[in-house]
Amino acid sequence: MLVTKSSSTTELPLPPGPRLRGLFRMFSQSPPEFLLGLTREYGDVVRFRGFFPVFSINHPDYVRQILTQAYPKYTKNTIDYRVIARTLGNGLVTNDGPDWTRQRRLMQPVFSGRTINAFDTTINELTAHLATQWVGKRTDEVVWLDRDMSRITFQVVVRTLFGADIDDIADEMVNILAVINQHPLQFSAFMTLYPWLPLPSNRRFLRIKRRLEEIVDGLVAMHREGDGSGNDIVDRLLAARDEETGEGMSEAQIRDEIITLMLAGHETSATALTWTFYLLAQQPDVEARLCEELTRVLGGRAAASGDLPQLPYLKQVVQESMRLYPPVWGIARRCTEETEFGGYRIPRDAYIAITIYALHRHRDYWPDAERFDPDRFDANRTESRHSYSYLPFAAGPRACIGAGMAMLEVQLVLAQLLQRFRARPLAGHPIVPQAVVTLKTRYGLPVNITPR
């Protein structure tokens, strides 16, 4: 049952949930697993209290209501997004209301399919450079795959944003973005809302933020002086004009959007690649089937964007990897009106958590949910599944603007590397998900690389 506010809503009960002390500590240890456990014990609408009451929603019908059908009533005015905005400013991820609508309208043409597909050459060149480095590795040498994936996806986002490399500061930028990719409710991240407090973590954050803004402002200034390629994303952002007003973006907005694209554009793709390599190593039969497809279609060459329709199993593997380990593992909203989900009352101004990690393991929609099975995404099996049971890039008007770019990048990197190498995790190394802004591997992913 799904309805919005009515005269009888206030008579409905609040959702069920645990009443134990120490819940926030349990939540902080592994938010996705904690919220998954709650949904399996109490159902698709759950209430619990940490620092504040949280209403967890885990049914595709209710998620569609929040993200699409009534999305203006569910804002991003939450503590999570206020913390993230300390880094991203008013970029698309954190912006809200009419300002977000205008900004999305300005940026949407920049991410058209034709524009994105033209970046396949850049992605393949950078992947080939990484492959050259892997060729020189001894079979017993440890390669930190998560770091290599973070580095290559950062290089891709920089080349596509700026039309040039900034390899001289690439490692510094990767480290900066890793530092600011914290869970928003982590103490040091939360304290950035109070920058005047003389805490070591605040001083460090402000120093890092100033350096990040300095680098981005310098790169934008170079473009304004004509040093860009004329066809990269920053040039397109600088040239973008609102159809209704004819206005472009301010300096501050350009900076916020670039920082947002840098973090979201490289970290989510790196996370997806890391988990996909890990899952393939656990399922050699899936890896063998994928490599057979790649060899048959590509014959050892890199894939262009036009090859991807002939590589359906490659896409299925990526989709299934992002089902089990969605790079963005959860979404927060605040409802502006009292409403109802499943016969339970959700108060006005309630904090709503949509845990994509849990939604992707909903047993009504994903049988044997913990199993890595790319055939779930075979074209003949997806038609009967609820369209809001799988949301790696969210959904509705606020769906990720870079989804097409992310899918292109992940598939092209895999297509080239898997034809040439096997990556096997070190035996005994713990593989534990870590929920920061993205869903990373807490202890990294050390592997041995061997040629095929």
Protein backbone atom coordinates (compact mmCIF):
# COMPACT_ATOMS: atom_id res chain seq x y z
CA MET A 1 0.00 0.00 0.00
CA LEU A 2 1.42 3.37 -1.03
CA VAL A 3 -0.33 6.68 -0.56
CA THR A 4 0.65 10.21 0.17
CA LYS A 5 -0.63 12.43 2.95
CA SER A 6 -4.33 12.16 3.79
CA SER A 7 -6.58 13.27 6.60
CA SER A 8 -6.02 9.93 8.33
CA THR A 9 -2.24 9.82 8.02
CA THR A 10 -1.62 11.15 11.53
CA GLU A 11 -3.63 8.23 12.93
CA LEU A 12 -1.28 5.67 11.42
CA PRO A 13 1.46 4.04 13.49
CA LEU A 14 5.11 4.83 13.10
CA PRO A 15 7.20 2.06 11.46
CA PRO A 16 8.62 -0.74 13.59
CA GLY A 17 12.28 -0.91 14.49
CA PRO A 18 14.83 -1.78 17.16
CA ARG A 19 14.91 -0.01 20.49
CA LEU A 20 18.38 -1.08 21.57
CA ARG A 21 21.00 1.26 22.95
CA GLY A 22 24.24 1.65 21.07
CA LEU A 23 22.63 1.49 17.64
CA PHE A 24 24.75 4.29 16.25
CA ARG A 25 27.90 2.34 17.07
CA MET A 26 26.49 -0.68 15.23
CA PHE A 27 25.50 1.56 12.33
CA SER A 28 28.91 3.20 12.11
CA GLN A 29 30.73 -0.15 11.87
CA SER A 30 29.02 -1.05 8.58
CA PRO A 31 26.05 1.14 7.62
CA PRO A 32 24.99 -0.93 4.56
CA GLU A 33 25.04 -4.25 6.41
CA PHE A 34 23.34 -2.73 9.45
CA LEU A 35 20.50 -1.32 7.33
CA LEU A 36 20.23 -4.55 5.33
CA GLY A 37 19.83 -6.45 8.59
CA LEU A 38 17.08 -4.09 9.76
CA THR A 39 15.07 -4.53 6.57
CA ARG A 40 15.30 -8.30 6.80
CA GLU A 41 14.14 -8.26 10.41
CA TYR A 42 11.49 -5.54 10.34
CA GLY A 43 10.41 -5.13 6.72
CA ASP A 44 10.62 -2.51 4.00
CA VAL A 45 9.81 0.46 6.25
CA VAL A 46 11.90 0.67 9.42
CA ARG A 47 12.56 3.31 12.06
CA PHE A 48 15.61 3.51 14.30
CA ARG A 49 17.40 6.20 16.24
CA GLY A 50 21.04 7.18 16.06
CA PHE A 51 21.87 10.85 16.57
CA PHE A 52 18.36 11.44 15.18
CA PRO A 53 15.42 9.28 13.98
CA VAL A 54 16.05 7.53 10.67
CA PHE A 55 13.33 6.06 8.44
CA SER A 56 14.75 3.34 6.21
CA ILE A 57 12.80 2.68 3.00
CA ASN A 58 13.51 -0.49 1.01
CA HIS A 59 10.65 -1.20 -1.41
CA PRO A 60 10.91 -0.30 -5.12
CA ASP A 61 7.42 1.22 -5.17
CA TYR A 62 8.25 3.53 -2.28
CA VAL A 63 11.64 4.38 -3.74
CA ARG A 64 9.98 5.37 -7.02
CA GLN A 65 7.64 7.66 -5.08
CA ILE A 66 10.59 9.38 -3.39
CA LEU A 67 12.91 9.69 -6.38
CA THR A 68 10.45 10.26 -9.21
CA GLN A 69 6.73 10.61 -8.64
CA ALA A 70 6.93 13.12 -5.78
CA TYR A 71 10.63 14.02 -5.83
CA PRO A 72 10.20 17.78 -5.11
CA LYS A 73 8.77 16.82 -1.69
CA TYR A 74 11.95 14.92 -0.82
CA THR A 75 14.86 17.32 -0.58
CA LYS A 76 18.61 16.92 -0.10
CA ASN A 77 18.50 19.15 2.98
CA THR A 78 20.09 16.47 5.14
CA ILE A 79 23.14 16.44 7.35
CA ASP A 80 24.90 14.08 4.92
CA TYR A 81 24.65 16.45 1.98
CA ARG A 82 25.52 19.47 4.11
CA VAL A 83 28.77 17.74 5.07
CA ILE A 84 29.49 16.66 1.49
CA ALA A 85 28.80 20.22 0.34
CA ARG A 86 31.71 21.43 2.45
CA THR A 87 33.85 19.87 -0.28
CA LEU A 88 31.64 19.87 -3.37
CA GLY A 89 30.00 23.25 -2.84
CA ASN A 90 26.83 23.58 -4.90
CA GLY A 91 27.69 21.04 -7.57
CA LEU A 92 24.96 18.84 -9.03
CA VAL A 93 25.29 16.21 -6.30
CA THR A 94 24.55 18.62 -3.45
CA ASN A 95 22.54 21.39 -5.14
CA ASP A 96 18.77 21.43 -4.65
CA GLY A 97 15.61 23.23 -5.69
CA PRO A 98 15.40 25.75 -8.57
CA ASP A 99 19.19 26.26 -8.62
CA TRP A 100 19.68 22.55 -9.24
CA THR A 101 17.04 22.56 -12.01
CA ARG A 102 18.83 25.37 -13.83
CA GLN A 103 22.23 23.75 -13.38
CA ARG A 104 21.06 20.36 -14.61
CA ARG A 105 19.53 22.00 -17.67
CA LEU A 106 22.82 23.74 -18.40
CA MET A 107 24.95 20.62 -18.01
CA GLN A 108 22.78 17.93 -19.60
CA PRO A 109 23.93 18.60 -23.21
CA VAL A 110 27.56 18.29 -22.10
CA PHE A 111 26.92 14.63 -21.24
CA SER A 112 25.10 13.57 -24.40
CA GLY A 113 25.81 10.09 -25.73
CA ARG A 114 27.69 11.42 -28.78
CA THR A 115 29.97 13.55 -26.60
CA ILE A 116 30.70 10.73 -24.16
CA ASN A 117 31.35 8.05 -26.79
CA ALA A 118 34.02 10.25 -28.36
CA PHE A 119 36.14 9.75 -25.23
CA ASP A 120 36.74 6.07 -25.99
CA THR A 121 40.11 6.83 -27.58
CA THR A 122 41.30 8.65 -24.46
CA ILE A 123 40.16 5.83 -22.18
CA ASN A 124 41.88 3.20 -24.32
CA GLU A 125 45.15 5.15 -24.52
CA LEU A 126 45.36 5.46 -20.75
CA THR A 127 44.43 1.81 -20.26
CA ALA A 128 47.16 0.78 -22.70
CA HIS A 129 49.65 2.79 -20.65
CA LEU A 130 48.61 0.91 -17.50
CA ALA A 131 48.88 -2.40 -19.39
CA THR A 132 52.46 -1.51 -20.31
CA GLN A 133 53.23 -1.07 -16.62
CA TRP A 134 51.60 -4.40 -15.76
CA VAL A 135 53.65 -6.23 -18.40
CA GLY A 136 56.79 -5.46 -16.41
CA LYS A 137 55.43 -6.93 -13.16
CA ARG A 138 56.79 -10.18 -11.78
CA THR A 139 54.10 -12.81 -11.20
CA ASP A 140 54.86 -12.75 -7.46
CA GLU A 141 54.93 -8.95 -7.24
CA VAL A 142 52.10 -7.30 -5.30
CA VAL A 143 49.99 -4.83 -7.26
CA TRP A 144 47.46 -2.76 -5.34
CA LEU A 145 44.67 -2.99 -7.86
CA ASP A 146 42.40 -0.50 -6.10
CA ARG A 147 45.14 2.14 -6.31
CA ASP A 148 45.80 1.43 -9.99
CA MET A 149 42.08 1.71 -10.74
CA SER A 150 41.87 4.96 -8.80
CA ARG A 151 44.86 6.35 -10.68
CA ILE A 152 43.63 5.43 -14.16
CA THR A 153 40.08 6.68 -13.58
CA PHE A 154 41.49 9.95 -12.25
CA GLN A 155 43.63 10.26 -15.36
CA VAL A 156 40.55 9.64 -17.51
CA VAL A 157 38.47 12.26 -15.72
CA VAL A 158 41.29 14.81 -15.96
CA ARG A 159 41.88 14.21 -19.69
CA THR A 160 38.18 14.37 -20.49
CA LEU A 161 37.60 17.40 -18.27
CA PHE A 162 40.63 19.44 -19.28
CA GLY A 163 41.79 17.92 -22.55
CA ALA A 164 45.31 17.52 -21.15
CA ASP A 165 47.13 15.60 -18.47
CA ILE A 166 48.21 16.92 -15.10
CA ASP A 167 50.41 13.95 -14.32
CA ASP A 168 52.77 16.13 -12.30
CA ILE A 169 50.09 16.53 -9.64
CA ALA A 170 48.02 13.42 -10.33
CA ASP A 171 49.14 11.52 -7.21
CA GLU A 172 48.59 14.61 -5.07
CA MET A 173 45.06 14.99 -6.45
CA VAL A 174 44.24 11.30 -5.92
CA ASN A 175 45.39 11.62 -2.29
CA ILE A 176 43.32 14.80 -1.80
CA LEU A 177 40.19 13.15 -3.18
CA ALA A 178 40.79 10.06 -1.02
CA VAL A 179 40.99 12.21 2.11
CA ILE A 180 37.72 14.00 1.42
CA ASN A 181 35.90 10.76 0.51
CA GLN A 182 34.78 10.15 4.10
CA HIS A 183 31.51 8.92 5.50
CA PRO A 184 29.58 12.16 6.19
CA LEU A 185 28.76 11.14 9.76
CA GLN A 186 32.35 10.29 10.62
CA PHE A 187 33.38 12.67 13.42
CA SER A 188 36.12 14.48 11.48
CA ALA A 189 33.82 14.92 8.46
CA PHE A 190 30.91 16.10 10.61
CA MET A 191 33.12 18.67 12.34
CA THR A 192 33.81 20.41 9.01
CA LEU A 193 30.37 21.98 9.46
CA TYR A 194 32.03 24.00 12.25
CA PRO A 195 35.25 25.16 10.55
CA TRP A 196 35.93 27.77 13.26
CA LEU A 197 36.60 25.02 15.82
CA PRO A 198 40.41 24.73 16.20
CA LEU A 199 40.53 20.97 15.61
CA PRO A 200 43.49 19.31 13.84
CA SER A 201 41.04 17.60 11.46
CA ASN A 202 39.45 20.96 10.59
CA ARG A 203 42.81 22.58 9.92
CA ARG A 204 43.81 19.67 7.72
CA PHE A 205 40.51 19.76 5.82
CA LEU A 206 40.72 23.51 5.20
CA ARG A 207 44.29 23.16 3.98
CA ILE A 208 43.34 20.38 1.59
CA LYS A 209 40.26 22.23 0.37
CA ARG A 210 42.26 25.39 -0.36
CA ARG A 211 44.80 23.34 -2.32
CA LEU A 212 42.06 21.60 -4.31
CA GLU A 213 40.39 24.90 -5.18
CA GLU A 214 43.75 26.43 -6.10
CA ILE A 215 44.49 23.63 -8.56
CA VAL A 216 41.03 23.72 -10.14
CA ASP A 217 40.97 27.53 -10.43
CA GLY A 218 44.37 27.45 -12.13
CA LEU A 219 43.23 24.87 -14.67
CA VAL A 220 40.05 26.80 -15.44
CA ALA A 221 42.06 30.00 -15.88
CA MET A 222 44.24 28.23 -18.45
CA HIS A 223 41.12 27.27 -20.38
CA ARG A 224 39.76 30.80 -20.30
CA GLU A 225 43.05 31.93 -21.79
CA GLY A 226 42.60 29.52 -24.69
CA ASP A 227 44.81 26.62 -23.58
CA GLY A 228 42.03 24.03 -23.70
CA SER A 229 41.38 21.59 -26.53
CA GLY A 230 38.08 23.23 -27.42
CA ASN A 231 36.32 19.89 -27.15
CA ASP A 232 36.79 18.85 -23.53
CA ILE A 233 34.17 19.00 -20.79
CA VAL A 234 35.49 22.19 -19.15
CA ASP A 235 35.38 24.04 -22.48
CA ARG A 236 31.80 22.86 -22.91
CA LEU A 237 30.91 23.97 -19.39
CA LEU A 238 32.42 27.39 -20.00
CA ALA A 239 30.46 27.72 -23.21
CA ALA A 240 27.14 26.44 -21.80
CA ARG A 241 24.29 28.96 -21.78
CA ASP A 242 20.85 28.67 -20.24
CA GLU A 243 18.25 28.49 -23.01
CA GLU A 244 15.83 30.65 -21.04
CA THR A 245 18.16 33.38 -19.72
CA GLY A 246 21.25 33.14 -21.92
CA GLU A 247 23.42 33.15 -18.79
CA GLY A 248 26.42 30.92 -18.21
CA MET A 249 27.88 29.59 -14.96
CA SER A 250 29.62 31.73 -12.40
CA GLU A 251 33.27 31.13 -11.48
CA ALA A 252 32.21 29.52 -8.20
CA GLN A 253 29.71 27.23 -9.92
CA ILE A 254 32.24 26.13 -12.53
CA ARG A 255 34.67 25.24 -9.75
CA ASP A 256 32.03 23.35 -7.76
CA GLU A 257 30.95 21.33 -10.79
CA ILE A 258 34.53 20.42 -11.70
CA ILE A 259 35.34 19.28 -8.16
CA THR A 260 32.11 17.27 -8.12
CA LEU A 261 32.97 15.63 -11.44
CA MET A 262 36.50 14.90 -10.28
CA LEU A 263 35.38 13.11 -7.14
CA ALA A 264 32.23 11.44 -8.46
CA GLY A 265 33.70 10.76 -11.90
CA HIS A 266 36.81 8.94 -10.80
CA GLU A 267 35.94 7.41 -7.44
CA THR A 268 32.74 5.63 -8.50
CA SER A 269 34.34 4.13 -11.61
CA ALA A 270 37.44 3.05 -9.68
CA THR A 271 35.26 1.35 -7.08
CA ALA A 272 33.20 -0.45 -9.73
CA LEU A 273 36.36 -1.69 -11.47
CA THR A 274 37.95 -2.90 -8.24
CA TRP A 275 34.94 -4.91 -7.16
CA THR A 276 34.48 -6.35 -10.65
CA PHE A 277 38.06 -7.66 -10.76
CA TYR A 278 37.57 -9.15 -7.30
CA LEU A 279 34.29 -10.88 -8.19
CA LEU A 280 35.69 -12.28 -11.43
CA ALA A 281 38.60 -13.77 -9.50
CA GLN A 282 36.10 -15.56 -7.25
CA GLN A 283 34.17 -16.96 -10.24
CA PRO A 284 36.66 -18.30 -12.84
CA ASP A 285 33.82 -19.72 -14.96
CA VAL A 286 32.28 -16.26 -15.31
CA GLU A 287 35.68 -14.78 -16.10
CA ALA A 288 36.34 -17.47 -18.73
CA ARG A 289 32.99 -16.85 -20.41
CA LEU A 290 33.63 -13.11 -20.46
CA CYS A 291 37.13 -13.53 -21.88
CA GLU A 292 35.77 -15.83 -24.60
CA GLU A 293 33.32 -13.11 -25.64
CA LEU A 294 36.04 -10.45 -25.63
CA THR A 295 38.41 -12.60 -27.71
CA ARG A 296 35.71 -13.58 -30.20
CA VAL A 297 34.52 -10.02 -30.79
CA LEU A 298 37.74 -8.04 -30.36
CA GLY A 299 40.52 -10.50 -31.16
CA GLY A 300 42.92 -8.82 -28.76
CA ARG A 301 42.33 -5.20 -29.77
CA ALA A 302 40.86 -2.52 -27.52
CA ALA A 303 37.10 -2.01 -27.71
CA ALA A 304 35.67 1.17 -29.18
CA SER A 305 32.34 2.56 -27.99
CA GLY A 306 30.73 1.11 -31.11
CA ASP A 307 31.81 -2.41 -30.12
CA LEU A 308 29.88 -2.46 -26.85
CA PRO A 309 26.52 -3.57 -28.29
CA GLN A 310 28.32 -6.73 -29.49
CA LEU A 311 29.60 -7.39 -25.94
CA PRO A 312 26.40 -8.04 -23.95
CA TYR A 313 28.01 -10.31 -21.35
CA LEU A 314 30.59 -7.63 -20.53
CA LYS A 315 27.77 -5.24 -19.66
CA GLN A 316 25.99 -7.93 -17.64
CA VAL A 317 29.13 -8.57 -15.60
CA VAL A 318 29.47 -4.85 -14.79
CA GLN A 319 25.79 -4.56 -13.92
CA GLU A 320 25.91 -7.55 -11.59
CA SER A 321 29.07 -6.25 -9.93
CA MET A 322 27.35 -2.93 -9.25
CA ARG A 323 24.33 -4.78 -7.90
CA LEU A 324 26.39 -6.52 -5.22
CA TYR A 325 28.69 -3.57 -4.56
CA PRO A 326 27.00 -0.37 -5.74
CA PRO A 327 29.63 2.40 -5.83
CA VAL A 328 27.12 4.78 -4.22
CA TRP A 329 25.62 2.58 -1.57
CA GLY A 330 22.86 4.84 -0.19
CA ILE A 331 20.76 7.95 -0.74
CA ALA A 332 19.41 10.35 1.89
CA ARG A 333 16.38 12.62 1.66
CA ARG A 334 14.25 14.78 3.94
CA CYS A 335 10.48 14.80 3.37
CA THR A 336 8.76 18.20 3.46
CA GLU A 337 5.30 16.76 4.19
CA GLU A 338 3.93 14.04 6.40
CA THR A 339 3.38 10.96 4.26
CA GLU A 340 2.72 7.22 4.36
CA PHE A 341 4.53 4.13 3.17
CA GLY A 342 3.13 0.64 3.64
CA GLY A 343 0.54 1.74 6.21
CA TYR A 344 3.12 3.53 8.37
CA ARG A 345 3.33 7.24 9.07
CA ILE A 346 6.44 9.16 8.08
CA PRO A 347 6.51 12.53 9.90
CA ARG A 348 7.23 15.81 8.21
CA ASP A 349 10.97 16.65 8.11
CA ALA A 350 11.86 12.99 8.65
CA TYR A 351 15.29 11.78 7.56
CA ILE A 352 14.77 9.07 4.93
CA ALA A 353 17.47 6.55 4.03
CA ILE A 354 17.34 4.57 0.80
CA THR A 355 20.02 1.91 1.10
CA ILE A 356 20.84 0.85 -2.46
CA TYR A 357 23.05 -1.92 -1.05
CA ALA A 358 19.99 -3.41 0.70
CA LEU A 359 17.60 -2.75 -2.19
CA HIS A 360 19.94 -4.71 -4.48
CA ARG A 361 19.66 -7.65 -2.09
CA HIS A 362 15.87 -7.56 -1.66
CA ARG A 363 14.89 -11.23 -1.70
CA ASP A 364 11.56 -10.59 -3.43
CA TYR A 365 13.41 -9.26 -6.48
CA TRP A 366 16.83 -10.93 -6.29
CA PRO A 367 16.68 -14.69 -5.56
CA ASP A 368 19.91 -16.02 -4.05
CA ALA A 369 20.86 -12.38 -3.69
CA GLU A 370 24.42 -12.86 -2.43
CA ARG A 371 25.48 -14.88 -5.48
CA PHE A 372 27.42 -13.22 -8.31
CA ASP A 373 25.35 -14.14 -11.38
CA PRO A 374 25.62 -11.87 -14.45
CA ASP A 375 22.85 -13.83 -16.17
CA ARG A 376 20.39 -11.93 -13.98
CA PHE A 377 20.88 -9.11 -16.50
CA ASP A 378 20.29 -11.19 -19.60
CA ALA A 379 17.87 -9.24 -21.78
CA ASN A 380 15.30 -12.03 -21.53
CA ARG A 381 15.24 -11.88 -17.73
CA THR A 382 15.16 -8.16 -16.98
CA GLU A 383 11.73 -7.30 -18.37
CA SER A 384 9.83 -8.83 -15.45
CA ARG A 385 11.92 -7.15 -12.74
CA HIS A 386 10.77 -3.97 -11.02
CA SER A 387 12.61 -1.05 -12.62
CA TYR A 388 13.33 0.50 -9.20
CA SER A 389 14.89 -2.61 -7.69
CA TYR A 390 18.24 -1.77 -9.33
CA LEU A 391 19.60 1.74 -8.89
CA PRO A 392 23.40 1.95 -9.26
CA PHE A 393 23.03 5.48 -10.64
CA ALA A 394 19.88 6.43 -8.67
CA ALA A 395 16.79 7.23 -10.77
CA GLY A 396 14.33 9.93 -11.70
CA PRO A 397 15.20 13.55 -12.45
CA ARG A 398 18.24 13.37 -10.17
CA ALA A 399 19.73 10.25 -11.71
CA CYS A 400 23.50 10.46 -12.14
CA ILE A 401 24.34 12.69 -15.10
CA GLY A 402 27.59 10.78 -15.65
CA ALA A 403 26.08 7.27 -15.81
CA GLY A 404 26.84 6.88 -19.51
CA MET A 405 30.44 7.96 -19.03
CA ALA A 406 30.94 5.59 -16.10
CA MET A 407 29.57 2.59 -17.98
CA LEU A 408 31.69 3.38 -21.03
CA GLU A 409 34.85 3.74 -18.97
CA VAL A 410 34.41 0.62 -16.86
CA GLN A 411 33.61 -1.59 -19.85
CA LEU A 412 36.49 -0.31 -21.99
CA VAL A 413 39.06 -0.69 -19.20
CA LEU A 414 37.90 -4.24 -18.47
CA ALA A 415 37.76 -5.19 -22.15
CA GLN A 416 41.39 -4.25 -22.69
CA LEU A 417 42.95 -5.52 -19.45
CA LEU A 418 41.06 -8.82 -19.19
CA GLN A 419 42.21 -9.88 -22.65
CA ARG A 420 45.82 -9.62 -21.50
CA PHE A 421 45.95 -10.29 -17.75
CA ARG A 422 44.62 -12.27 -14.84
CA ALA A 423 44.41 -10.52 -11.47
CA ARG A 424 44.32 -12.79 -8.42
CA PRO A 425 43.88 -11.41 -4.88
CA LEU A 426 46.51 -12.36 -2.32
CA ALA A 427 45.41 -15.35 -0.28
CA GLY A 428 44.30 -14.44 3.22
CA HIS A 429 44.00 -10.72 2.61
CA PRO A 430 40.72 -9.46 4.16
CA ILE A 431 38.21 -8.08 1.66
CA VAL A 432 35.79 -5.92 3.64
CA PRO A 433 33.47 -3.25 2.21
CA GLN A 434 33.98 0.23 3.66
CA ALA A 435 31.07 2.64 3.37
CA VAL A 436 32.39 6.16 2.93
CA VAL A 437 30.73 8.31 0.28
CA THR A 438 31.42 5.33 -2.00
CA LEU A 439 31.64 1.62 -1.17
CA LYS A 440 35.37 0.93 -1.13
CA THR A 441 37.50 -2.01 -0.05
CA ARG A 442 38.55 -1.16 3.51
CA TYR A 443 42.00 -2.74 3.27
CA GLY A 444 42.53 -2.31 -0.45
CA LEU A 445 42.87 -5.10 -3.01
CA PRO A 446 46.42 -6.46 -3.41
CA VAL A 447 46.74 -8.85 -6.36
CA ASN A 448 49.26 -10.77 -8.42
CA ILE A 449 49.14 -10.03 -12.14
CA THR A 450 49.83 -12.80 -14.66
CA PRO A 451 49.66 -12.63 -18.47
CA ARG A 452 47.07 -14.74 -20.27
